[in-house]
Amino acid sequence: MWWFQEGLCALPAALVVWTAATFVFAYITAVVLRHVDPLVPYISDTGTVAPERCVFGIMLNVSAFLGVATMYVRYKQLLALIDASDTRLHLLNRVGLVLGCGSSLGMCVVANFQKTTLFSMHLVGAVLTFGVGALYIFAQTLLSYHMQPHIHSKSMFWTRLSVGMWTLASIISMFVSSVIMYSTLPGVEVNKKLHWTPGEPGYTPHIISTISEWSLALSFISFFFTYIRDFKKINLRAEAELHSDHLYHSSHYRDVPETSPLLAGSI
């Protein structure tokens, strides 16, 4: 048996690989077509101009779907692992699921509202994706803290805590540098500026901001990478429960089976 056939570990693995491929594809395409500068553009800038924005949007929507699926499986896993009497952890688990779905919704908004067309909605999507997503990471880290060492090792908690600190540092760095960048360029539509020249006003905070955004995205990918081993220990299945042996609204239905041919005429 291959490692990705164990449990549902293929789900977070697919999320990690697909999301990374989305960013790499959009970056390479945008640079080759000279829509952005090669030196660390914003991730959103690489998905702003056609044709890469079309594929970027589709791929990011798929990432959002994989994210919701992964976080739901994680929720069900913890639901089974946490003691039924521990209402506090069960509440935190539910809050984590809501935060995760909110982050995935933000990813869809980012994918479908480009920063050059409707910047306000794009900004809302970014806050949902990264801000609410960071809260999800810390909620899961707190759950990991309470589950160590009887459910999983202490090293897993420290790994997730380290990734959470990495996420927080990237958010702070991106926010501060973005504020400085916008303050040094009054009257300039920075959201529509895709090309930068070294030495121009705001260039240094712009580079710091873009590096921070890529670092933030990588921290999210790294966090879901930690789910792969946990997901080897879980499987989900759907069961069909029939409430009746027919699909009529009442109990009166024909007893004579349908015997007409599939196609008209004699065969």
C-alpha atoms as a PDB file:
ATOM      1  CA  MET A   1       0.000   0.000   0.000  1.00  0.00           C
ATOM      2  CA  TRP A   2       1.299   3.425  -0.974  1.00  0.00           C
ATOM      3  CA  TRP A   3       1.448   6.088   1.728  1.00  0.00           C
ATOM      4  CA  PHE A   4      -1.311   8.164   0.115  1.00  0.00           C
ATOM      5  CA  GLN A   5      -3.654   5.154   0.249  1.00  0.00           C
ATOM      6  CA  GLU A   6      -3.607   5.119   4.051  1.00  0.00           C
ATOM      7  CA  GLY A   7      -6.774   6.645   5.459  1.00  0.00           C
ATOM      8  CA  LEU A   8      -7.572  10.057   4.019  1.00  0.00           C
ATOM      9  CA  CYS A   9      -4.040  11.445   3.982  1.00  0.00           C
ATOM     10  CA  ALA A  10      -4.379  12.030   0.229  1.00  0.00           C
ATOM     11  CA  LEU A  11      -6.811  14.871   1.004  1.00  0.00           C
ATOM     12  CA  PRO A  12      -4.424  17.296   2.776  1.00  0.00           C
ATOM     13  CA  ALA A  13      -1.647  16.153   0.427  1.00  0.00           C
ATOM     14  CA  ALA A  14      -3.804  17.124  -2.557  1.00  0.00           C
ATOM     15  CA  LEU A  15      -4.584  20.472  -0.923  1.00  0.00           C
ATOM     16  CA  VAL A  16      -0.896  21.227  -0.365  1.00  0.00           C
ATOM     17  CA  VAL A  17       0.258  20.148  -3.835  1.00  0.00           C
ATOM     18  CA  TRP A  18      -2.642  21.758  -5.713  1.00  0.00           C
ATOM     19  CA  THR A  19      -2.359  25.104  -3.910  1.00  0.00           C
ATOM     20  CA  ALA A  20       1.404  25.242  -4.425  1.00  0.00           C
ATOM     21  CA  ALA A  21       0.904  24.376  -8.105  1.00  0.00           C
ATOM     22  CA  THR A  22      -1.657  27.191  -8.393  1.00  0.00           C
ATOM     23  CA  PHE A  23       0.827  29.792  -7.173  1.00  0.00           C
ATOM     24  CA  VAL A  24       3.714  28.435  -9.241  1.00  0.00           C
ATOM     25  CA  PHE A  25       1.666  28.200 -12.449  1.00  0.00           C
ATOM     26  CA  ALA A  26       0.288  31.725 -12.092  1.00  0.00           C
ATOM     27  CA  TYR A  27       3.736  33.153 -11.302  1.00  0.00           C
ATOM     28  CA  ILE A  28       5.502  31.459 -14.230  1.00  0.00           C
ATOM     29  CA  THR A  29       2.769  32.405 -16.701  1.00  0.00           C
ATOM     30  CA  ALA A  30       2.579  36.027 -15.552  1.00  0.00           C
ATOM     31  CA  VAL A  31       6.366  36.442 -15.678  1.00  0.00           C
ATOM     32  CA  VAL A  32       6.728  34.790 -19.102  1.00  0.00           C
ATOM     33  CA  LEU A  33       4.000  37.045 -20.513  1.00  0.00           C
ATOM     34  CA  ARG A  34       5.612  40.048 -18.755  1.00  0.00           C
ATOM     35  CA  HIS A  35       2.466  40.929 -16.866  1.00  0.00           C
ATOM     36  CA  VAL A  36       4.441  41.221 -13.609  1.00  0.00           C
ATOM     37  CA  ASP A  37       8.057  41.704 -12.560  1.00  0.00           C
ATOM     38  CA  PRO A  38      10.051  38.521 -11.861  1.00  0.00           C
ATOM     39  CA  LEU A  39      11.229  39.747  -8.444  1.00  0.00           C
ATOM     40  CA  VAL A  40       8.579  38.648  -5.929  1.00  0.00           C
ATOM     41  CA  PRO A  41       5.272  40.094  -7.162  1.00  0.00           C
ATOM     42  CA  TYR A  42       2.131  39.892  -5.075  1.00  0.00           C
ATOM     43  CA  ILE A  43       0.401  36.536  -5.448  1.00  0.00           C
ATOM     44  CA  SER A  44      -2.747  38.385  -6.495  1.00  0.00           C
ATOM     45  CA  ASP A  45      -0.808  40.272  -9.184  1.00  0.00           C
ATOM     46  CA  THR A  46       0.093  36.981 -10.851  1.00  0.00           C
ATOM     47  CA  GLY A  47      -3.616  36.226 -11.253  1.00  0.00           C
ATOM     48  CA  THR A  48      -4.803  39.651 -12.360  1.00  0.00           C
ATOM     49  CA  VAL A  49      -4.350  39.702 -16.145  1.00  0.00           C
ATOM     50  CA  ALA A  50      -5.792  37.227 -18.660  1.00  0.00           C
ATOM     51  CA  PRO A  51      -5.124  34.456 -19.515  1.00  0.00           C
ATOM     52  CA  GLU A  52      -3.474  33.423 -16.243  1.00  0.00           C
ATOM     53  CA  ARG A  53      -6.219  34.984 -14.125  1.00  0.00           C
ATOM     54  CA  CYS A  54      -8.777  32.587 -15.640  1.00  0.00           C
ATOM     55  CA  VAL A  55      -6.830  29.467 -14.700  1.00  0.00           C
ATOM     56  CA  PHE A  56      -5.713  31.030 -11.403  1.00  0.00           C
ATOM     57  CA  GLY A  57      -9.342  31.618 -10.424  1.00  0.00           C
ATOM     58  CA  ILE A  58     -10.405  28.071 -11.272  1.00  0.00           C
ATOM     59  CA  MET A  59      -7.450  26.489  -9.484  1.00  0.00           C
ATOM     60  CA  LEU A  60      -7.901  28.661  -6.395  1.00  0.00           C
ATOM     61  CA  ASN A  61     -11.593  27.747  -6.230  1.00  0.00           C
ATOM     62  CA  VAL A  62     -10.586  24.073  -6.289  1.00  0.00           C
ATOM     63  CA  SER A  63      -8.122  24.795  -3.469  1.00  0.00           C
ATOM     64  CA  ALA A  64     -10.953  26.362  -1.467  1.00  0.00           C
ATOM     65  CA  PHE A  65     -13.072  23.231  -1.973  1.00  0.00           C
ATOM     66  CA  LEU A  66     -10.192  20.972  -0.929  1.00  0.00           C
ATOM     67  CA  GLY A  67      -9.665  23.211   2.086  1.00  0.00           C
ATOM     68  CA  VAL A  68     -13.285  22.872   3.223  1.00  0.00           C
ATOM     69  CA  ALA A  69     -13.150  19.092   2.729  1.00  0.00           C
ATOM     70  CA  THR A  70      -9.889  18.824   4.689  1.00  0.00           C
ATOM     71  CA  MET A  71     -11.124  20.969   7.557  1.00  0.00           C
ATOM     72  CA  TYR A  72     -14.412  19.054   7.744  1.00  0.00           C
ATOM     73  CA  VAL A  73     -12.576  15.731   7.994  1.00  0.00           C
ATOM     74  CA  ARG A  74     -10.372  17.258  10.689  1.00  0.00           C
ATOM     75  CA  TYR A  75     -13.494  18.375  12.541  1.00  0.00           C
ATOM     76  CA  LYS A  76     -15.007  14.875  12.378  1.00  0.00           C
ATOM     77  CA  GLN A  77     -11.717  13.322  13.490  1.00  0.00           C
ATOM     78  CA  LEU A  78     -11.488  15.521  16.574  1.00  0.00           C
ATOM     79  CA  LEU A  79     -15.190  15.003  17.249  1.00  0.00           C
ATOM     80  CA  ALA A  80     -14.468  11.292  17.624  1.00  0.00           C
ATOM     81  CA  LEU A  81     -11.214  11.718  19.560  1.00  0.00           C
ATOM     82  CA  ILE A  82     -12.291  14.317  22.126  1.00  0.00           C
ATOM     83  CA  ASP A  83     -14.069  13.027  25.207  1.00  0.00           C
ATOM     84  CA  ALA A  84     -17.826  13.573  24.983  1.00  0.00           C
ATOM     85  CA  SER A  85     -17.891  15.327  28.373  1.00  0.00           C
ATOM     86  CA  ASP A  86     -15.326  17.954  27.349  1.00  0.00           C
ATOM     87  CA  THR A  87     -17.745  20.594  26.078  1.00  0.00           C
ATOM     88  CA  ARG A  88     -15.054  23.281  25.929  1.00  0.00           C
ATOM     89  CA  LEU A  89     -12.933  21.413  23.394  1.00  0.00           C
ATOM     90  CA  HIS A  90     -15.985  20.412  21.367  1.00  0.00           C
ATOM     91  CA  LEU A  91     -16.982  24.086  21.187  1.00  0.00           C
ATOM     92  CA  LEU A  92     -13.474  25.033  20.103  1.00  0.00           C
ATOM     93  CA  ASN A  93     -13.610  22.303  17.464  1.00  0.00           C
ATOM     94  CA  ARG A  94     -16.862  23.739  16.056  1.00  0.00           C
ATOM     95  CA  VAL A  95     -15.444  27.255  16.113  1.00  0.00           C
ATOM     96  CA  GLY A  96     -12.420  25.980  14.211  1.00  0.00           C
ATOM     97  CA  LEU A  97     -14.652  24.506  11.498  1.00  0.00           C
ATOM     98  CA  VAL A  98     -16.515  27.817  11.109  1.00  0.00           C
ATOM     99  CA  LEU A  99     -13.245  29.744  10.916  1.00  0.00           C
ATOM    100  CA  GLY A 100     -11.877  27.314   8.346  1.00  0.00           C
ATOM    101  CA  CYS A 101     -14.954  27.617   6.141  1.00  0.00           C
ATOM    102  CA  GLY A 102     -14.733  31.406   6.420  1.00  0.00           C
ATOM    103  CA  SER A 103     -11.123  31.305   5.276  1.00  0.00           C
ATOM    104  CA  SER A 104     -12.037  29.112   2.301  1.00  0.00           C
ATOM    105  CA  LEU A 105     -14.855  31.503   1.397  1.00  0.00           C
ATOM    106  CA  GLY A 106     -12.312  34.311   1.412  1.00  0.00           C
ATOM    107  CA  MET A 107     -10.146  32.314  -0.974  1.00  0.00           C
ATOM    108  CA  CYS A 108     -13.063  32.110  -3.408  1.00  0.00           C
ATOM    109  CA  VAL A 109     -13.573  35.876  -3.133  1.00  0.00           C
ATOM    110  CA  VAL A 110      -9.883  36.512  -3.836  1.00  0.00           C
ATOM    111  CA  ALA A 111     -10.021  34.175  -6.824  1.00  0.00           C
ATOM    112  CA  ASN A 112     -13.055  35.809  -8.412  1.00  0.00           C
ATOM    113  CA  PHE A 113     -12.564  39.505  -7.557  1.00  0.00           C
ATOM    114  CA  GLN A 114      -9.218  40.701  -8.923  1.00  0.00           C
ATOM    115  CA  LYS A 115      -7.532  43.606  -7.130  1.00  0.00           C
ATOM    116  CA  THR A 116      -7.524  45.745 -10.288  1.00  0.00           C
ATOM    117  CA  THR A 117     -11.282  45.368 -10.877  1.00  0.00           C
ATOM    118  CA  LEU A 118     -12.913  45.488  -7.427  1.00  0.00           C
ATOM    119  CA  PHE A 119     -10.239  46.147  -4.843  1.00  0.00           C
ATOM    120  CA  SER A 120     -12.590  46.457  -1.847  1.00  0.00           C
ATOM    121  CA  MET A 121     -14.008  42.958  -2.335  1.00  0.00           C
ATOM    122  CA  HIS A 122     -10.539  41.571  -3.032  1.00  0.00           C
ATOM    123  CA  LEU A 123      -9.353  43.091   0.248  1.00  0.00           C
ATOM    124  CA  VAL A 124     -12.285  41.544   2.125  1.00  0.00           C
ATOM    125  CA  GLY A 125     -11.381  38.177   0.625  1.00  0.00           C
ATOM    126  CA  ALA A 126      -7.738  38.577   1.641  1.00  0.00           C
ATOM    127  CA  VAL A 127      -8.704  39.432   5.228  1.00  0.00           C
ATOM    128  CA  LEU A 128     -10.966  36.376   5.373  1.00  0.00           C
ATOM    129  CA  THR A 129      -8.346  34.107   3.815  1.00  0.00           C
ATOM    130  CA  PHE A 130      -5.343  35.165   5.866  1.00  0.00           C
ATOM    131  CA  GLY A 131      -6.869  36.785   8.963  1.00  0.00           C
ATOM    132  CA  VAL A 132      -9.591  34.234   9.672  1.00  0.00           C
ATOM    133  CA  GLY A 133      -7.289  31.488   8.393  1.00  0.00           C
ATOM    134  CA  ALA A 134      -4.695  32.477  10.993  1.00  0.00           C
ATOM    135  CA  LEU A 135      -7.367  32.206  13.703  1.00  0.00           C
ATOM    136  CA  TYR A 136      -8.140  28.707  12.415  1.00  0.00           C
ATOM    137  CA  ILE A 137      -4.471  27.755  12.720  1.00  0.00           C
ATOM    138  CA  PHE A 138      -4.326  28.966  16.318  1.00  0.00           C
ATOM    139  CA  ALA A 139      -7.613  27.224  17.171  1.00  0.00           C
ATOM    140  CA  GLN A 140      -6.208  23.934  15.875  1.00  0.00           C
ATOM    141  CA  THR A 141      -2.926  24.570  17.678  1.00  0.00           C
ATOM    142  CA  LEU A 142      -4.823  25.090  20.932  1.00  0.00           C
ATOM    143  CA  LEU A 143      -6.698  21.837  20.337  1.00  0.00           C
ATOM    144  CA  SER A 144      -3.372  20.105  19.724  1.00  0.00           C
ATOM    145  CA  TYR A 145      -2.095  21.496  23.021  1.00  0.00           C
ATOM    146  CA  HIS A 146      -5.006  19.988  24.951  1.00  0.00           C
ATOM    147  CA  MET A 147      -4.703  16.635  23.146  1.00  0.00           C
ATOM    148  CA  GLN A 148      -1.006  16.096  23.877  1.00  0.00           C
ATOM    149  CA  PRO A 149       0.464  13.705  24.868  1.00  0.00           C
ATOM    150  CA  HIS A 150      -2.361  11.122  25.123  1.00  0.00           C
ATOM    151  CA  ILE A 151      -3.698  11.583  21.566  1.00  0.00           C
ATOM    152  CA  HIS A 152      -0.625  12.798  19.697  1.00  0.00           C
ATOM    153  CA  SER A 153       2.949  13.755  20.538  1.00  0.00           C
ATOM    154  CA  LYS A 154       4.191  17.008  22.010  1.00  0.00           C
ATOM    155  CA  SER A 155       6.373  17.521  18.954  1.00  0.00           C
ATOM    156  CA  MET A 156       3.259  17.891  16.784  1.00  0.00           C
ATOM    157  CA  PHE A 157       1.955  20.639  19.049  1.00  0.00           C
ATOM    158  CA  TRP A 158       5.269  22.488  18.933  1.00  0.00           C
ATOM    159  CA  THR A 159       5.409  22.117  15.162  1.00  0.00           C
ATOM    160  CA  ARG A 160       1.955  23.651  14.751  1.00  0.00           C
ATOM    161  CA  LEU A 161       2.745  26.374  17.262  1.00  0.00           C
ATOM    162  CA  SER A 162       5.901  27.243  15.316  1.00  0.00           C
ATOM    163  CA  VAL A 163       3.915  27.447  12.086  1.00  0.00           C
ATOM    164  CA  GLY A 164       1.356  29.636  13.867  1.00  0.00           C
ATOM    165  CA  MET A 165       4.096  32.024  15.016  1.00  0.00           C
ATOM    166  CA  TRP A 166       5.465  32.067  11.467  1.00  0.00           C
ATOM    167  CA  THR A 167       1.978  32.966  10.204  1.00  0.00           C
ATOM    168  CA  LEU A 168       1.574  35.747  12.769  1.00  0.00           C
ATOM    169  CA  ALA A 169       5.001  37.235  12.009  1.00  0.00           C
ATOM    170  CA  SER A 170       4.232  37.228   8.272  1.00  0.00           C
ATOM    171  CA  ILE A 171       0.883  38.970   8.814  1.00  0.00           C
ATOM    172  CA  ILE A 172       2.444  41.680  10.973  1.00  0.00           C
ATOM    173  CA  SER A 173       5.288  42.220   8.500  1.00  0.00           C
ATOM    174  CA  MET A 174       2.911  42.398   5.530  1.00  0.00           C
ATOM    175  CA  PHE A 175       0.527  44.787   7.295  1.00  0.00           C
ATOM    176  CA  VAL A 176       3.211  47.208   8.510  1.00  0.00           C
ATOM    177  CA  SER A 177       5.086  47.293   5.189  1.00  0.00           C
ATOM    178  CA  SER A 178       1.821  47.758   3.256  1.00  0.00           C
ATOM    179  CA  VAL A 179       0.849  50.731   5.426  1.00  0.00           C
ATOM    180  CA  ILE A 180       4.273  52.296   4.849  1.00  0.00           C
ATOM    181  CA  MET A 181       4.051  51.621   1.103  1.00  0.00           C
ATOM    182  CA  TYR A 182       0.634  53.255   0.732  1.00  0.00           C
ATOM    183  CA  SER A 183       1.658  56.238   2.886  1.00  0.00           C
ATOM    184  CA  THR A 184       4.675  56.949   0.642  1.00  0.00           C
ATOM    185  CA  LEU A 185       2.539  56.891  -2.513  1.00  0.00           C
ATOM    186  CA  PRO A 186      -0.362  59.308  -1.890  1.00  0.00           C
ATOM    187  CA  GLY A 187      -2.713  59.644  -4.841  1.00  0.00           C
ATOM    188  CA  VAL A 188      -1.299  56.564  -6.588  1.00  0.00           C
ATOM    189  CA  GLU A 189      -3.584  53.606  -7.346  1.00  0.00           C
ATOM    190  CA  VAL A 190      -1.204  51.039  -5.900  1.00  0.00           C
ATOM    191  CA  ASN A 191      -3.686  48.213  -6.435  1.00  0.00           C
ATOM    192  CA  LYS A 192      -3.375  48.717 -10.215  1.00  0.00           C
ATOM    193  CA  LYS A 193       0.414  49.034 -10.195  1.00  0.00           C
ATOM    194  CA  LEU A 194       1.895  45.765 -11.481  1.00  0.00           C
ATOM    195  CA  HIS A 195       5.420  46.928 -12.349  1.00  0.00           C
ATOM    196  CA  TRP A 196       7.942  48.474  -9.964  1.00  0.00           C
ATOM    197  CA  THR A 197      11.333  50.065 -10.564  1.00  0.00           C
ATOM    198  CA  PRO A 198      14.123  49.670  -7.981  1.00  0.00           C
ATOM    199  CA  GLY A 199      14.733  52.961  -6.217  1.00  0.00           C
ATOM    200  CA  GLU A 200      11.312  54.495  -6.800  1.00  0.00           C
ATOM    201  CA  PRO A 201       9.269  55.658  -3.773  1.00  0.00           C
ATOM    202  CA  GLY A 202       7.658  52.766  -1.933  1.00  0.00           C
ATOM    203  CA  TYR A 203       9.752  50.098  -3.646  1.00  0.00           C
ATOM    204  CA  THR A 204      11.449  48.762  -0.503  1.00  0.00           C
ATOM    205  CA  PRO A 205       8.268  48.392   1.589  1.00  0.00           C
ATOM    206  CA  HIS A 206       6.600  46.884  -1.488  1.00  0.00           C
ATOM    207  CA  ILE A 207       9.245  44.146  -1.700  1.00  0.00           C
ATOM    208  CA  ILE A 208       8.994  43.495   2.044  1.00  0.00           C
ATOM    209  CA  SER A 209       5.210  43.259   1.722  1.00  0.00           C
ATOM    210  CA  THR A 210       5.314  40.824  -1.201  1.00  0.00           C
ATOM    211  CA  ILE A 211       7.924  38.618   0.481  1.00  0.00           C
ATOM    212  CA  SER A 212       5.741  38.589   3.595  1.00  0.00           C
ATOM    213  CA  GLU A 213       2.704  37.545   1.547  1.00  0.00           C
ATOM    214  CA  TRP A 214       4.563  34.638  -0.059  1.00  0.00           C
ATOM    215  CA  SER A 215       5.891  33.680   3.379  1.00  0.00           C
ATOM    216  CA  LEU A 216       2.340  33.798   4.749  1.00  0.00           C
ATOM    217  CA  ALA A 217       1.011  31.581   1.961  1.00  0.00           C
ATOM    218  CA  LEU A 218       3.843  29.109   2.540  1.00  0.00           C
ATOM    219  CA  SER A 219       3.059  28.997   6.259  1.00  0.00           C
ATOM    220  CA  PHE A 220      -0.550  28.035   5.477  1.00  0.00           C
ATOM    221  CA  ILE A 221       0.609  25.285   3.134  1.00  0.00           C
ATOM    222  CA  SER A 222       3.043  24.049   5.787  1.00  0.00           C
ATOM    223  CA  PHE A 223       0.296  23.898   8.406  1.00  0.00           C
ATOM    224  CA  PHE A 224      -1.925  21.662   6.299  1.00  0.00           C
ATOM    225  CA  PHE A 225       1.125  19.535   5.568  1.00  0.00           C
ATOM    226  CA  THR A 226       1.079  18.580   9.273  1.00  0.00           C
ATOM    227  CA  TYR A 227      -2.354  16.990   8.755  1.00  0.00           C
ATOM    228  CA  ILE A 228      -1.051  14.295   6.418  1.00  0.00           C
ATOM    229  CA  ARG A 229       0.157  11.945   9.140  1.00  0.00           C
ATOM    230  CA  ASP A 230      -2.982  12.470  11.253  1.00  0.00           C
ATOM    231  CA  PHE A 231      -5.252  11.717   8.311  1.00  0.00           C
ATOM    232  CA  LYS A 232      -3.711   8.273   7.890  1.00  0.00           C
ATOM    233  CA  LYS A 233      -5.746   7.282  10.953  1.00  0.00           C
ATOM    234  CA  ILE A 234      -9.222   8.170   9.670  1.00  0.00           C
ATOM    235  CA  ASN A 235     -11.730   7.125   7.019  1.00  0.00           C
ATOM    236  CA  LEU A 236     -15.200   8.500   6.343  1.00  0.00           C
ATOM    237  CA  ARG A 237     -18.048   6.805   4.537  1.00  0.00           C
ATOM    238  CA  ALA A 238     -21.536   7.855   3.463  1.00  0.00           C
ATOM    239  CA  GLU A 239     -24.493   5.574   4.127  1.00  0.00           C
ATOM    240  CA  ALA A 240     -27.841   5.771   2.326  1.00  0.00           C
ATOM    241  CA  GLU A 241     -30.783   5.489   4.729  1.00  0.00           C
ATOM    242  CA  LEU A 242     -34.088   4.839   2.931  1.00  0.00           C
ATOM    243  CA  HIS A 243     -37.252   6.024   4.666  1.00  0.00           C
ATOM    244  CA  SER A 244     -39.440   4.160   2.163  1.00  0.00           C
ATOM    245  CA  ASP A 245     -39.200   1.619  -0.628  1.00  0.00           C
ATOM    246  CA  HIS A 246     -40.699   4.093  -3.150  1.00  0.00           C
ATOM    247  CA  LEU A 247     -40.510   7.784  -4.044  1.00  0.00           C
ATOM    248  CA  TYR A 248     -44.237   8.625  -4.133  1.00  0.00           C
ATOM    249  CA  HIS A 249     -45.709  11.183  -1.744  1.00  0.00           C
ATOM    250  CA  SER A 250     -48.357   8.678  -0.649  1.00  0.00           C
ATOM    251  CA  SER A 251     -48.449   4.938  -0.187  1.00  0.00           C
ATOM    252  CA  HIS A 252     -50.617   4.493  -3.307  1.00  0.00           C
ATOM    253  CA  TYR A 253     -48.430   3.634  -6.253  1.00  0.00           C
ATOM    254  CA  ARG A 254     -48.478   1.235  -9.172  1.00  0.00           C
ATOM    255  CA  ASP A 255     -47.605  -2.375  -8.480  1.00  0.00           C
ATOM    256  CA  VAL A 256     -47.131  -3.146 -12.195  1.00  0.00           C
ATOM    257  CA  PRO A 257     -43.472  -2.856 -13.140  1.00  0.00           C
ATOM    258  CA  GLU A 258     -42.424  -0.793 -16.146  1.00  0.00           C
ATOM    259  CA  THR A 259     -41.687  -3.134 -19.057  1.00  0.00           C
ATOM    260  CA  SER A 260     -41.584  -0.819 -22.079  1.00  0.00           C
ATOM    261  CA  PRO A 261     -38.355  -0.864 -24.086  1.00  0.00           C
ATOM    262  CA  LEU A 262     -35.717   1.762 -23.482  1.00  0.00           C
ATOM    263  CA  LEU A 263     -35.976   2.923 -27.096  1.00  0.00           C
ATOM    264  CA  ALA A 264     -39.140   3.085 -29.218  1.00  0.00           C
ATOM    265  CA  GLY A 265     -39.720   0.381 -31.825  1.00  0.00           C
ATOM    266  CA  SER A 266     -38.879  -3.299 -31.995  1.00  0.00           C
ATOM    267  CA  ILE A 267     -35.384  -4.589 -31.380  1.00  0.00           C
END
